Amino acid sequence: MCTVGRSDELARLLPVLAPQAEALGAELLVVDQSDDEEHARVEALLPAGVRLIRRAPGLPAARNAGLAATTAPIVLFLDDDTSPAPGCLSAHLEPFRDPTVGGAVGRIVERRLRPNSRRLRNDLAWDGRIRVRLDTTEDGPIGSLKGANMSVRRRAVEQVGGFDEGWGGTALLEDADLSERLIRAGWRLRYAARAAVEHLHAPTGGVRQEGAEQTERWRFHNTARFLRRHRGMRGVVVATPTWMALAAARGLRWRRPRSTAQLISAWWAGARG
């Protein structure tokens, strides 16, 4: 569990996870990216047996630190503001009985966000928007993992070089980037419906704590970066009209014309990176 400024969420989550982990003989690791005051709170609340690692802010680097701190062949990542269902951890192991599976994403019931697909799906559409439905009850293949509730085969992740620490800010699409690299390396991704969590969307802490406008700038930047890396400049060009229209709409909504220019700048910075 990678966490930033959410000791209260960890205090709720760890007692739920600990019995599931104990039943499997699994270890729990917390990678804390908080300031000194919040880190002291995290240290004080950890149950016996839970390992604590401290990292500077940066989600992909925190994930890599967690991977490096264990030799487990299967590693599960959970957001600190999730509520796992009974049996979530054991259900994550089932897809990996197939030796060709490199990663799995469990069922995610979103408390605030609504799915925008009628069927099981998680990927970037041609216009650069994420199309997602991860609350269905049937297992199946999936196009991308989602970091809130995903598990990976260590050997597969090491083969593709781990998480790319170049995904800045909110780290949006760092999970999709890993997924693309796993698929290109020949690994399969699966959706595991019984590995379920509710995503609570805690209002404070986490990687999106810098405000709506800054979060949106990272969304523009990282989307363009993803398209350039995985679909080439042609993918960026195809998606650009949609994102320029979104930039104009955001500026009008916020009544800040300057924000439109900042979003456009973030888009092209991502496309260059």
C-alpha atoms as a PDB file:
ATOM      1  CA  MET A   1       0.000   0.000   0.000  1.00  0.00           C
ATOM      2  CA  CYS A   2       1.493   3.302  -1.130  1.00  0.00           C
ATOM      3  CA  THR A   3       0.182   6.172   0.963  1.00  0.00           C
ATOM      4  CA  VAL A   4       0.448   9.953   1.265  1.00  0.00           C
ATOM      5  CA  GLY A   5      -1.168  11.884   4.119  1.00  0.00           C
ATOM      6  CA  ARG A   6      -3.807   9.284   4.946  1.00  0.00           C
ATOM      7  CA  SER A   7      -2.994   7.737   8.295  1.00  0.00           C
ATOM      8  CA  ASP A   8      -6.729   7.684   9.114  1.00  0.00           C
ATOM      9  CA  GLU A   9      -7.407   5.606   6.010  1.00  0.00           C
ATOM     10  CA  LEU A  10      -4.617   3.190   6.907  1.00  0.00           C
ATOM     11  CA  ALA A  11      -6.016   2.859  10.418  1.00  0.00           C
ATOM     12  CA  ARG A  12      -9.285   1.688   8.835  1.00  0.00           C
ATOM     13  CA  LEU A  13      -7.742  -0.486   6.118  1.00  0.00           C
ATOM     14  CA  LEU A  14      -5.010  -2.456   7.871  1.00  0.00           C
ATOM     15  CA  PRO A  15      -7.242  -4.292  10.394  1.00  0.00           C
ATOM     16  CA  VAL A  16      -9.341  -5.485   7.442  1.00  0.00           C
ATOM     17  CA  LEU A  17      -6.358  -6.689   5.444  1.00  0.00           C
ATOM     18  CA  ALA A  18      -4.290  -8.232   8.220  1.00  0.00           C
ATOM     19  CA  PRO A  19      -6.489 -11.337   8.759  1.00  0.00           C
ATOM     20  CA  GLN A  20      -6.643 -12.004   5.006  1.00  0.00           C
ATOM     21  CA  ALA A  21      -2.858 -11.704   4.711  1.00  0.00           C
ATOM     22  CA  GLU A  22      -2.275 -13.914   7.742  1.00  0.00           C
ATOM     23  CA  ALA A  23      -4.507 -16.626   6.307  1.00  0.00           C
ATOM     24  CA  LEU A  24      -2.381 -16.682   3.138  1.00  0.00           C
ATOM     25  CA  GLY A  25       0.968 -16.341   4.845  1.00  0.00           C
ATOM     26  CA  ALA A  26       1.414 -13.063   2.974  1.00  0.00           C
ATOM     27  CA  GLU A  27       3.261  -9.984   4.177  1.00  0.00           C
ATOM     28  CA  LEU A  28       1.898  -6.438   4.289  1.00  0.00           C
ATOM     29  CA  LEU A  29       4.075  -3.468   3.326  1.00  0.00           C
ATOM     30  CA  VAL A  30       3.265   0.226   3.612  1.00  0.00           C
ATOM     31  CA  VAL A  31       5.274   2.672   1.503  1.00  0.00           C
ATOM     32  CA  ASP A  32       4.733   6.073   3.110  1.00  0.00           C
ATOM     33  CA  GLN A  33       5.438   9.291   1.198  1.00  0.00           C
ATOM     34  CA  SER A  34       4.085  11.661   3.864  1.00  0.00           C
ATOM     35  CA  ASP A  35       5.734  14.532   5.711  1.00  0.00           C
ATOM     36  CA  ASP A  36       7.412  13.977   9.099  1.00  0.00           C
ATOM     37  CA  GLU A  37       4.301  14.653  11.191  1.00  0.00           C
ATOM     38  CA  GLU A  38       2.055  12.333   9.220  1.00  0.00           C
ATOM     39  CA  HIS A  39       4.774   9.694   8.985  1.00  0.00           C
ATOM     40  CA  ALA A  40       4.952   9.569  12.787  1.00  0.00           C
ATOM     41  CA  ARG A  41       1.199   8.866  12.851  1.00  0.00           C
ATOM     42  CA  VAL A  42       1.622   6.065  10.341  1.00  0.00           C
ATOM     43  CA  GLU A  43       4.427   4.506  12.398  1.00  0.00           C
ATOM     44  CA  ALA A  44       2.296   4.610  15.536  1.00  0.00           C
ATOM     45  CA  LEU A  45      -0.703   2.830  14.061  1.00  0.00           C
ATOM     46  CA  LEU A  46       0.947  -0.072  12.237  1.00  0.00           C
ATOM     47  CA  PRO A  47       0.020  -3.506  13.615  1.00  0.00           C
ATOM     48  CA  ALA A  48       2.798  -5.932  14.477  1.00  0.00           C
ATOM     49  CA  GLY A  49       4.272  -7.585  11.418  1.00  0.00           C
ATOM     50  CA  VAL A  50       3.471  -4.807   8.946  1.00  0.00           C
ATOM     51  CA  ARG A  51       6.624  -3.445   7.335  1.00  0.00           C
ATOM     52  CA  LEU A  52       7.053   0.283   6.765  1.00  0.00           C
ATOM     53  CA  ILE A  53       9.147   1.889   4.031  1.00  0.00           C
ATOM     54  CA  ARG A  54       9.582   5.618   3.597  1.00  0.00           C
ATOM     55  CA  ARG A  55       9.972   7.299   0.224  1.00  0.00           C
ATOM     56  CA  ALA A  56       9.890  10.821  -1.160  1.00  0.00           C
ATOM     57  CA  PRO A  57       6.614  11.611  -2.981  1.00  0.00           C
ATOM     58  CA  GLY A  58       6.206   9.867  -6.319  1.00  0.00           C
ATOM     59  CA  LEU A  59       3.824   6.951  -6.852  1.00  0.00           C
ATOM     60  CA  PRO A  60       5.758   4.893  -9.452  1.00  0.00           C
ATOM     61  CA  ALA A  61       8.909   5.119  -7.336  1.00  0.00           C
ATOM     62  CA  ALA A  62       6.916   4.066  -4.278  1.00  0.00           C
ATOM     63  CA  ARG A  63       5.596   1.034  -6.145  1.00  0.00           C
ATOM     64  CA  ASN A  64       9.123   0.097  -7.217  1.00  0.00           C
ATOM     65  CA  ALA A  65      10.293   0.457  -3.615  1.00  0.00           C
ATOM     66  CA  GLY A  66       7.572  -1.935  -2.503  1.00  0.00           C
ATOM     67  CA  LEU A  67       8.568  -4.452  -5.158  1.00  0.00           C
ATOM     68  CA  ALA A  68      12.220  -4.199  -4.146  1.00  0.00           C
ATOM     69  CA  ALA A  69      11.403  -4.790  -0.481  1.00  0.00           C
ATOM     70  CA  THR A  70       9.880  -8.230  -1.000  1.00  0.00           C
ATOM     71  CA  THR A  71      10.763 -11.400  -2.885  1.00  0.00           C
ATOM     72  CA  ALA A  72       7.134 -12.529  -3.225  1.00  0.00           C
ATOM     73  CA  PRO A  73       6.353 -13.890  -6.722  1.00  0.00           C
ATOM     74  CA  ILE A  74       2.950 -12.144  -6.765  1.00  0.00           C
ATOM     75  CA  VAL A  75       2.589  -8.574  -5.471  1.00  0.00           C
ATOM     76  CA  LEU A  76      -0.750  -6.848  -4.876  1.00  0.00           C
ATOM     77  CA  PHE A  77      -1.126  -3.067  -4.858  1.00  0.00           C
ATOM     78  CA  LEU A  78      -4.117  -1.501  -3.094  1.00  0.00           C
ATOM     79  CA  ASP A  79      -4.932   2.183  -2.776  1.00  0.00           C
ATOM     80  CA  ASP A  80      -5.091   3.386   0.808  1.00  0.00           C
ATOM     81  CA  ASP A  81      -8.701   4.558   0.336  1.00  0.00           C
ATOM     82  CA  THR A  82     -10.144   1.193  -0.666  1.00  0.00           C
ATOM     83  CA  SER A  83     -12.313  -1.201   1.321  1.00  0.00           C
ATOM     84  CA  PRO A  84     -11.516  -4.824   0.358  1.00  0.00           C
ATOM     85  CA  ALA A  85     -14.219  -7.464   0.345  1.00  0.00           C
ATOM     86  CA  PRO A  86     -13.702 -10.755   2.222  1.00  0.00           C
ATOM     87  CA  GLY A  87     -11.459 -13.026   0.201  1.00  0.00           C
ATOM     88  CA  CYS A  88     -10.053 -10.215  -1.935  1.00  0.00           C
ATOM     89  CA  LEU A  89      -6.422 -11.184  -1.414  1.00  0.00           C
ATOM     90  CA  SER A  90      -6.858 -14.892  -2.110  1.00  0.00           C
ATOM     91  CA  ALA A  91      -8.946 -14.141  -5.213  1.00  0.00           C
ATOM     92  CA  HIS A  92      -6.042 -12.159  -6.636  1.00  0.00           C
ATOM     93  CA  LEU A  93      -3.956 -15.322  -6.753  1.00  0.00           C
ATOM     94  CA  GLU A  94      -6.358 -17.268  -8.965  1.00  0.00           C
ATOM     95  CA  PRO A  95      -5.501 -15.677 -12.353  1.00  0.00           C
ATOM     96  CA  PHE A  96      -1.799 -16.429 -11.820  1.00  0.00           C
ATOM     97  CA  ARG A  97      -2.416 -20.173 -11.983  1.00  0.00           C
ATOM     98  CA  ASP A  98      -2.110 -19.489 -15.710  1.00  0.00           C
ATOM     99  CA  PRO A  99       1.657 -19.009 -16.259  1.00  0.00           C
ATOM    100  CA  THR A 100       1.009 -16.612 -19.163  1.00  0.00           C
ATOM    101  CA  VAL A 101      -0.741 -14.043 -16.912  1.00  0.00           C
ATOM    102  CA  GLY A 102       1.474 -11.139 -15.919  1.00  0.00           C
ATOM    103  CA  GLY A 103      -1.091  -8.976 -14.123  1.00  0.00           C
ATOM    104  CA  ALA A 104      -4.629  -8.884 -12.803  1.00  0.00           C
ATOM    105  CA  VAL A 105      -7.085  -6.188 -11.804  1.00  0.00           C
ATOM    106  CA  GLY A 106      -9.815  -6.866  -9.290  1.00  0.00           C
ATOM    107  CA  ARG A 107     -13.377  -5.598  -9.198  1.00  0.00           C
ATOM    108  CA  ILE A 108     -13.568  -1.912  -8.258  1.00  0.00           C
ATOM    109  CA  VAL A 109     -16.861  -0.436  -7.141  1.00  0.00           C
ATOM    110  CA  GLU A 110     -16.436   3.318  -7.332  1.00  0.00           C
ATOM    111  CA  ARG A 111     -18.133   5.392  -4.669  1.00  0.00           C
ATOM    112  CA  ARG A 112     -17.971   8.633  -6.714  1.00  0.00           C
ATOM    113  CA  LEU A 113     -17.068   7.844 -10.319  1.00  0.00           C
ATOM    114  CA  ARG A 114     -19.438   6.219 -12.789  1.00  0.00           C
ATOM    115  CA  PRO A 115     -18.392   3.637 -15.388  1.00  0.00           C
ATOM    116  CA  ASN A 116     -18.539   4.992 -18.945  1.00  0.00           C
ATOM    117  CA  SER A 117     -18.700   1.614 -20.695  1.00  0.00           C
ATOM    118  CA  ARG A 118     -21.515  -0.944 -20.834  1.00  0.00           C
ATOM    119  CA  ARG A 119     -19.129  -3.882 -20.755  1.00  0.00           C
ATOM    120  CA  LEU A 120     -15.989  -4.941 -18.939  1.00  0.00           C
ATOM    121  CA  ARG A 121     -13.274  -2.591 -20.113  1.00  0.00           C
ATOM    122  CA  ASN A 122     -10.296  -0.497 -19.057  1.00  0.00           C
ATOM    123  CA  ASP A 123      -8.242   1.214 -21.764  1.00  0.00           C
ATOM    124  CA  LEU A 124      -7.638   4.483 -23.603  1.00  0.00           C
ATOM    125  CA  ALA A 125      -9.973   5.121 -26.533  1.00  0.00           C
ATOM    126  CA  TRP A 126      -8.789   6.746 -29.782  1.00  0.00           C
ATOM    127  CA  ASP A 127      -9.572  10.198 -28.360  1.00  0.00           C
ATOM    128  CA  GLY A 128      -7.314   9.660 -25.345  1.00  0.00           C
ATOM    129  CA  ARG A 129     -10.133   9.290 -22.843  1.00  0.00           C
ATOM    130  CA  ILE A 130     -10.194   6.372 -20.436  1.00  0.00           C
ATOM    131  CA  ARG A 131     -13.084   3.969 -21.085  1.00  0.00           C
ATOM    132  CA  VAL A 132     -13.708   1.872 -18.014  1.00  0.00           C
ATOM    133  CA  ARG A 133     -16.070  -0.551 -16.353  1.00  0.00           C
ATOM    134  CA  LEU A 134     -14.493  -2.649 -13.618  1.00  0.00           C
ATOM    135  CA  ASP A 135     -17.520  -3.586 -11.538  1.00  0.00           C
ATOM    136  CA  THR A 136     -18.869  -6.547 -13.530  1.00  0.00           C
ATOM    137  CA  THR A 137     -19.267  -9.981 -11.933  1.00  0.00           C
ATOM    138  CA  GLU A 138     -17.714 -12.092 -14.720  1.00  0.00           C
ATOM    139  CA  ASP A 139     -13.978 -12.731 -15.096  1.00  0.00           C
ATOM    140  CA  GLY A 140     -12.331 -11.998 -18.420  1.00  0.00           C
ATOM    141  CA  PRO A 141      -9.393 -10.524 -20.326  1.00  0.00           C
ATOM    142  CA  ILE A 142      -8.693  -6.816 -19.784  1.00  0.00           C
ATOM    143  CA  GLY A 143      -6.727  -4.216 -21.681  1.00  0.00           C
ATOM    144  CA  SER A 144      -5.152  -2.430 -18.714  1.00  0.00           C
ATOM    145  CA  LEU A 145      -4.605  -2.753 -14.988  1.00  0.00           C
ATOM    146  CA  LYS A 146      -5.843  -0.126 -12.536  1.00  0.00           C
ATOM    147  CA  GLY A 147      -3.561   0.766  -9.652  1.00  0.00           C
ATOM    148  CA  ALA A 148      -6.266   0.963  -6.987  1.00  0.00           C
ATOM    149  CA  ASN A 149      -6.602  -2.834  -6.972  1.00  0.00           C
ATOM    150  CA  MET A 150      -4.053  -4.637  -9.116  1.00  0.00           C
ATOM    151  CA  SER A 151      -1.670  -7.552  -8.744  1.00  0.00           C
ATOM    152  CA  VAL A 152       1.417  -8.353 -10.804  1.00  0.00           C
ATOM    153  CA  ARG A 153       3.767 -11.243 -11.384  1.00  0.00           C
ATOM    154  CA  ARG A 154       7.152 -10.079 -10.161  1.00  0.00           C
ATOM    155  CA  ARG A 155       9.023 -11.821 -12.984  1.00  0.00           C
ATOM    156  CA  ALA A 156       6.873 -10.079 -15.592  1.00  0.00           C
ATOM    157  CA  VAL A 157       7.310  -6.623 -14.090  1.00  0.00           C
ATOM    158  CA  GLU A 158      11.048  -7.080 -13.719  1.00  0.00           C
ATOM    159  CA  GLN A 159      11.240  -8.215 -17.349  1.00  0.00           C
ATOM    160  CA  VAL A 160       9.763  -4.899 -18.567  1.00  0.00           C
ATOM    161  CA  GLY A 161      11.846  -2.731 -16.236  1.00  0.00           C
ATOM    162  CA  GLY A 162       9.400  -2.031 -13.396  1.00  0.00           C
ATOM    163  CA  PHE A 163       7.192   1.022 -13.079  1.00  0.00           C
ATOM    164  CA  ASP A 164       8.350   4.032 -15.088  1.00  0.00           C
ATOM    165  CA  GLU A 165       9.257   6.719 -12.543  1.00  0.00           C
ATOM    166  CA  GLY A 166       8.907   9.423 -15.187  1.00  0.00           C
ATOM    167  CA  TRP A 167       5.150   9.631 -14.615  1.00  0.00           C
ATOM    168  CA  GLY A 168       4.955  12.820 -12.571  1.00  0.00           C
ATOM    169  CA  GLY A 169       2.355  14.600 -10.486  1.00  0.00           C
ATOM    170  CA  THR A 170      -0.730  12.479 -10.015  1.00  0.00           C
ATOM    171  CA  ALA A 171       1.010   9.638 -11.907  1.00  0.00           C
ATOM    172  CA  LEU A 172      -2.121   9.181 -14.017  1.00  0.00           C
ATOM    173  CA  LEU A 173      -1.637   6.315 -16.515  1.00  0.00           C
ATOM    174  CA  GLU A 174       1.467   4.845 -14.868  1.00  0.00           C
ATOM    175  CA  ASP A 175      -0.575   1.641 -14.458  1.00  0.00           C
ATOM    176  CA  ALA A 176      -1.699   1.756 -18.107  1.00  0.00           C
ATOM    177  CA  ASP A 177       1.892   2.309 -19.215  1.00  0.00           C
ATOM    178  CA  LEU A 178       3.020  -0.795 -17.308  1.00  0.00           C
ATOM    179  CA  SER A 179       0.115  -2.729 -18.823  1.00  0.00           C
ATOM    180  CA  GLU A 180       1.107  -1.795 -22.368  1.00  0.00           C
ATOM    181  CA  ARG A 181       4.676  -2.908 -21.772  1.00  0.00           C
ATOM    182  CA  LEU A 182       3.551  -6.214 -20.242  1.00  0.00           C
ATOM    183  CA  ILE A 183       1.298  -6.972 -23.207  1.00  0.00           C
ATOM    184  CA  ARG A 184       4.069  -6.144 -25.692  1.00  0.00           C
ATOM    185  CA  ALA A 185       6.354  -8.526 -23.814  1.00  0.00           C
ATOM    186  CA  GLY A 186       3.825 -11.319 -24.366  1.00  0.00           C
ATOM    187  CA  TRP A 187       2.040 -11.362 -20.992  1.00  0.00           C
ATOM    188  CA  ARG A 188      -1.743 -11.511 -20.589  1.00  0.00           C
ATOM    189  CA  LEU A 189      -3.869  -9.371 -18.248  1.00  0.00           C
ATOM    190  CA  ARG A 190      -6.996 -10.639 -16.512  1.00  0.00           C
ATOM    191  CA  TYR A 191      -9.956  -9.214 -14.605  1.00  0.00           C
ATOM    192  CA  ALA A 192     -10.789 -11.068 -11.368  1.00  0.00           C
ATOM    193  CA  ALA A 193     -14.315 -10.265 -10.231  1.00  0.00           C
ATOM    194  CA  ARG A 194     -14.022 -11.886  -6.775  1.00  0.00           C
ATOM    195  CA  ALA A 195     -10.967  -9.780  -5.922  1.00  0.00           C
ATOM    196  CA  ALA A 196     -13.267  -6.890  -5.058  1.00  0.00           C
ATOM    197  CA  VAL A 197     -12.844  -3.531  -3.357  1.00  0.00           C
ATOM    198  CA  GLU A 198     -14.931  -0.423  -2.894  1.00  0.00           C
ATOM    199  CA  HIS A 199     -12.985   2.685  -3.878  1.00  0.00           C
ATOM    200  CA  LEU A 200     -13.911   5.330  -1.318  1.00  0.00           C
ATOM    201  CA  HIS A 201     -12.170   8.340  -2.906  1.00  0.00           C
ATOM    202  CA  ALA A 202     -10.915   9.944   0.300  1.00  0.00           C
ATOM    203  CA  PRO A 203     -11.312  13.735   0.001  1.00  0.00           C
ATOM    204  CA  THR A 204      -7.875  14.550   1.433  1.00  0.00           C
ATOM    205  CA  GLY A 205      -4.358  13.196   1.012  1.00  0.00           C
ATOM    206  CA  GLY A 206      -3.201  11.047  -1.865  1.00  0.00           C
ATOM    207  CA  VAL A 207      -1.539  12.059  -5.122  1.00  0.00           C
ATOM    208  CA  ARG A 208      -4.359  14.383  -6.180  1.00  0.00           C
ATOM    209  CA  GLN A 209      -4.142  16.777  -3.242  1.00  0.00           C
ATOM    210  CA  GLU A 210      -2.813  19.806  -5.149  1.00  0.00           C
ATOM    211  CA  GLY A 211      -6.207  21.095  -6.326  1.00  0.00           C
ATOM    212  CA  ALA A 212      -8.476  20.554  -9.311  1.00  0.00           C
ATOM    213  CA  GLU A 213      -6.555  22.711 -11.778  1.00  0.00           C
ATOM    214  CA  GLN A 214      -3.181  21.140 -11.042  1.00  0.00           C
ATOM    215  CA  THR A 215      -4.726  17.675 -11.189  1.00  0.00           C
ATOM    216  CA  GLU A 216      -6.221  18.512 -14.574  1.00  0.00           C
ATOM    217  CA  ARG A 217      -2.880  19.777 -15.881  1.00  0.00           C
ATOM    218  CA  TRP A 218      -1.308  16.437 -15.012  1.00  0.00           C
ATOM    219  CA  ARG A 219      -4.190  14.671 -16.724  1.00  0.00           C
ATOM    220  CA  PHE A 220      -3.484  16.550 -19.946  1.00  0.00           C
ATOM    221  CA  HIS A 221       0.280  16.081 -19.656  1.00  0.00           C
ATOM    222  CA  ASN A 222       0.221  12.364 -18.889  1.00  0.00           C
ATOM    223  CA  THR A 223      -2.416  11.525 -21.486  1.00  0.00           C
ATOM    224  CA  ALA A 224      -0.339  13.124 -24.242  1.00  0.00           C
ATOM    225  CA  ARG A 225       2.796  11.403 -22.905  1.00  0.00           C
ATOM    226  CA  PHE A 226       1.051   8.029 -22.956  1.00  0.00           C
ATOM    227  CA  LEU A 227      -0.234   8.511 -26.498  1.00  0.00           C
ATOM    228  CA  ARG A 228       3.172   9.574 -27.778  1.00  0.00           C
ATOM    229  CA  ARG A 229       4.886   6.610 -26.146  1.00  0.00           C
ATOM    230  CA  HIS A 230       2.416   3.922 -27.160  1.00  0.00           C
ATOM    231  CA  ARG A 231       0.671   5.229 -30.297  1.00  0.00           C
ATOM    232  CA  GLY A 232       3.225   7.588 -31.732  1.00  0.00           C
ATOM    233  CA  MET A 233       2.792  11.192 -32.788  1.00  0.00           C
ATOM    234  CA  ARG A 234      -0.127  10.144 -34.972  1.00  0.00           C
ATOM    235  CA  GLY A 235      -2.039   9.138 -31.835  1.00  0.00           C
ATOM    236  CA  VAL A 236      -1.351  12.539 -30.277  1.00  0.00           C
ATOM    237  CA  VAL A 237      -2.542  14.367 -33.401  1.00  0.00           C
ATOM    238  CA  VAL A 238      -5.755  12.328 -33.614  1.00  0.00           C
ATOM    239  CA  ALA A 239      -6.624  13.082 -29.971  1.00  0.00           C
ATOM    240  CA  THR A 240      -5.557  16.741 -29.966  1.00  0.00           C
ATOM    241  CA  PRO A 241      -8.871  18.311 -31.173  1.00  0.00           C
ATOM    242  CA  THR A 242     -10.767  16.588 -28.351  1.00  0.00           C
ATOM    243  CA  TRP A 243      -8.310  17.800 -25.715  1.00  0.00           C
ATOM    244  CA  MET A 244      -8.147  21.341 -27.051  1.00  0.00           C
ATOM    245  CA  ALA A 245     -11.952  21.476 -26.764  1.00  0.00           C
ATOM    246  CA  LEU A 246     -11.677  20.137 -23.202  1.00  0.00           C
ATOM    247  CA  ALA A 247      -9.106  22.818 -22.368  1.00  0.00           C
ATOM    248  CA  ALA A 248     -11.457  25.553 -23.602  1.00  0.00           C
ATOM    249  CA  ALA A 249     -14.358  24.071 -21.641  1.00  0.00           C
ATOM    250  CA  ARG A 250     -12.306  23.945 -18.429  1.00  0.00           C
ATOM    251  CA  GLY A 251     -11.271  27.577 -18.813  1.00  0.00           C
ATOM    252  CA  LEU A 252     -14.898  28.612 -19.193  1.00  0.00           C
ATOM    253  CA  ARG A 253     -16.018  26.524 -16.230  1.00  0.00           C
ATOM    254  CA  TRP A 254     -13.309  27.931 -13.969  1.00  0.00           C
ATOM    255  CA  ARG A 255     -13.719  31.450 -15.438  1.00  0.00           C
ATOM    256  CA  ARG A 256      -9.970  31.536 -15.932  1.00  0.00           C
ATOM    257  CA  PRO A 257      -8.943  31.915 -19.583  1.00  0.00           C
ATOM    258  CA  ARG A 258      -5.335  31.512 -18.488  1.00  0.00           C
ATOM    259  CA  SER A 259      -6.156  27.952 -17.407  1.00  0.00           C
ATOM    260  CA  THR A 260      -6.985  27.022 -20.997  1.00  0.00           C
ATOM    261  CA  ALA A 261      -3.507  28.094 -22.086  1.00  0.00           C
ATOM    262  CA  GLN A 262      -1.929  26.180 -19.200  1.00  0.00           C
ATOM    263  CA  LEU A 263      -3.769  22.991 -20.117  1.00  0.00           C
ATOM    264  CA  ILE A 264      -2.760  23.306 -23.758  1.00  0.00           C
ATOM    265  CA  SER A 265       0.848  23.853 -22.687  1.00  0.00           C
ATOM    266  CA  ALA A 266       0.680  20.760 -20.454  1.00  0.00           C
ATOM    267  CA  TRP A 267      -0.654  18.709 -23.376  1.00  0.00           C
ATOM    268  CA  TRP A 268       2.226  19.599 -25.682  1.00  0.00           C
ATOM    269  CA  ALA A 269       4.793  19.209 -22.901  1.00  0.00           C
ATOM    270  CA  GLY A 270       3.526  15.663 -22.405  1.00  0.00           C
ATOM    271  CA  ALA A 271       3.624  14.993 -26.143  1.00  0.00           C
ATOM    272  CA  ARG A 272       7.299  16.015 -26.201  1.00  0.00           C
ATOM    273  CA  GLY A 273       8.124  13.888 -23.188  1.00  0.00           C
END
